[in-house]
Amino acid sequence: MKKIEAIIRPERLTETIKGLKSIGITGYTVSQVVGRGKQKNTRGVYRGKKYNITLHPKVKMEIVLSDYKVDPAIQTIITAAQTGEDGDGKVFVYPILDAYNIKTGEVDVDIDDLAK
């Protein structure tokens, strides 16, 4: 099993979810985050005063999959989330040693079987 962690632009989330659904991936966790990479600072105005925006709003998707689904998921995320500009995000892949089903307390050997 592997965990995919993708940091993407918030406006690309819907397209990314549609892409994942089209390849049969429907389980994921989404969090709103802020971060900093190569994307340049922007200027904001609050009550007439200008300020620098150094942390940009992003969305973090976390998906745990069987090994054979990882490459198609990564390619789908990249295709759906890509704008070609700085700040498009990153995809990270981590090994998962075990997953446990809280309902049964048993090791979840088939993480992709959503019918359980």
Protein backbone atom coordinates (compact mmCIF):
# COMPACT_ATOMS: atom_id res chain seq x y z
CA MET A 1 0.00 0.00 0.00
CA LYS A 2 1.03 3.58 -0.62
CA LYS A 3 -0.21 6.97 0.51
CA ILE A 4 -0.39 9.75 -2.06
CA GLU A 5 -0.29 13.27 -0.70
CA ALA A 6 -1.03 15.94 -3.30
CA ILE A 7 -0.83 19.68 -2.66
CA ILE A 8 -2.82 21.45 -5.39
CA ARG A 9 -4.54 24.72 -6.21
CA PRO A 10 -8.04 24.95 -4.67
CA GLU A 11 -9.60 25.81 -8.04
CA ARG A 12 -8.30 22.51 -9.50
CA LEU A 13 -9.88 20.31 -6.79
CA THR A 14 -13.17 19.59 -8.58
CA GLU A 15 -11.37 18.60 -11.79
CA THR A 16 -8.97 16.39 -9.82
CA ILE A 17 -11.83 14.62 -8.02
CA LYS A 18 -13.61 14.03 -11.35
CA GLY A 19 -10.42 12.55 -12.80
CA LEU A 20 -9.89 10.24 -9.84
CA LYS A 21 -13.52 9.12 -9.96
CA SER A 22 -13.14 8.31 -13.66
CA ILE A 23 -10.42 5.75 -12.80
CA GLY A 24 -12.37 4.27 -9.91
CA ILE A 25 -10.83 6.11 -6.97
CA THR A 26 -13.49 7.51 -4.66
CA GLY A 27 -11.83 7.45 -1.23
CA TYR A 28 -9.70 10.42 -0.19
CA THR A 29 -9.28 13.07 2.49
CA VAL A 30 -9.16 16.77 1.61
CA SER A 31 -7.79 19.54 3.85
CA GLN A 32 -7.45 23.26 3.29
CA VAL A 33 -3.86 24.34 3.88
CA VAL A 34 -1.55 27.27 3.19
CA GLY A 35 1.99 27.04 1.96
CA ARG A 36 4.92 28.46 0.15
CA GLY A 37 6.90 27.16 -2.80
CA LYS A 38 8.11 28.84 -5.99
CA GLN A 39 4.89 30.82 -6.36
CA LYS A 40 5.62 34.53 -6.08
CA ASN A 41 4.22 36.83 -3.40
CA THR A 42 1.00 38.60 -4.27
CA ARG A 43 -0.44 41.82 -2.90
CA GLY A 44 -3.71 42.04 -1.02
CA VAL A 45 -5.75 44.97 0.21
CA TYR A 46 -7.56 44.95 3.53
CA ARG A 47 -9.49 48.02 4.63
CA GLY A 48 -7.54 50.14 2.21
CA LYS A 49 -4.11 48.95 3.31
CA LYS A 50 -1.86 46.88 1.05
CA TYR A 51 -0.06 43.82 2.37
CA ASN A 52 2.08 40.97 1.03
CA ILE A 53 0.61 37.50 0.75
CA THR A 54 3.48 35.06 1.29
CA LEU A 55 1.46 31.94 2.17
CA HIS A 56 -0.92 30.84 -0.55
CA PRO A 57 -4.14 28.83 -0.07
CA LYS A 58 -3.81 25.22 -1.24
CA VAL A 59 -5.68 21.95 -0.90
CA LYS A 60 -4.06 18.77 0.39
CA MET A 61 -5.48 15.48 -0.85
CA GLU A 62 -4.51 12.26 0.92
CA ILE A 63 -5.25 8.92 -0.71
CA VAL A 64 -4.23 5.43 0.44
CA LEU A 65 -4.18 2.87 -2.38
CA SER A 66 -2.93 -0.54 -3.37
CA ASP A 67 0.40 -0.38 -5.18
CA TYR A 68 -1.09 -1.15 -8.60
CA LYS A 69 -3.35 1.93 -8.46
CA VAL A 70 -0.64 4.43 -7.51
CA ASP A 71 0.79 5.27 -10.96
CA PRO A 72 -2.61 5.85 -12.63
CA ALA A 73 -3.68 8.00 -9.66
CA ILE A 74 -0.52 10.13 -9.84
CA GLN A 75 -0.89 10.69 -13.58
CA THR A 76 -4.56 11.61 -13.14
CA ILE A 77 -3.77 14.11 -10.38
CA ILE A 78 -0.99 15.73 -12.40
CA THR A 79 -3.13 15.99 -15.54
CA ALA A 80 -6.14 17.41 -13.69
CA ALA A 81 -4.28 19.82 -11.40
CA GLN A 82 -1.70 21.19 -13.84
CA THR A 83 -1.96 24.79 -15.08
CA GLY A 84 1.68 25.16 -16.16
CA GLU A 85 2.36 27.99 -13.71
CA ASP A 86 4.41 28.21 -10.51
CA GLY A 87 2.29 27.12 -7.56
CA ASP A 88 0.63 24.11 -9.25
CA GLY A 89 1.76 21.95 -6.32
CA LYS A 90 3.50 18.67 -5.58
CA VAL A 91 2.69 14.98 -5.29
CA PHE A 92 4.38 12.87 -2.60
CA VAL A 93 4.23 9.08 -2.23
CA TYR A 94 4.79 7.28 1.08
CA PRO A 95 4.84 3.57 1.94
CA ILE A 96 2.08 2.35 4.27
CA LEU A 97 2.96 -0.59 6.48
CA ASP A 98 -0.51 -1.46 7.77
CA ALA A 99 -4.06 -0.16 7.77
CA TYR A 100 -6.66 -1.12 10.36
CA ASN A 101 -10.42 -1.07 10.03
CA ILE A 102 -11.72 0.74 13.12
CA LYS A 103 -15.15 -0.92 12.87
CA THR A 104 -13.76 -4.47 12.99
CA GLY A 105 -10.36 -3.87 14.56
CA GLU A 106 -8.80 -6.08 11.89
CA VAL A 107 -5.97 -5.38 9.48
CA ASP A 108 -7.46 -3.98 6.25
CA VAL A 109 -5.62 -6.05 3.66
CA ASP A 110 -7.63 -4.80 0.67
CA ILE A 111 -7.68 -1.04 1.10
CA ASP A 112 -9.42 -0.54 -2.28
CA ASP A 113 -12.47 -2.68 -1.46
CA LEU A 114 -15.03 -0.01 -0.58
CA ALA A 115 -17.89 -2.54 -0.46
CA LYS A 116 -16.87 -3.80 3.02
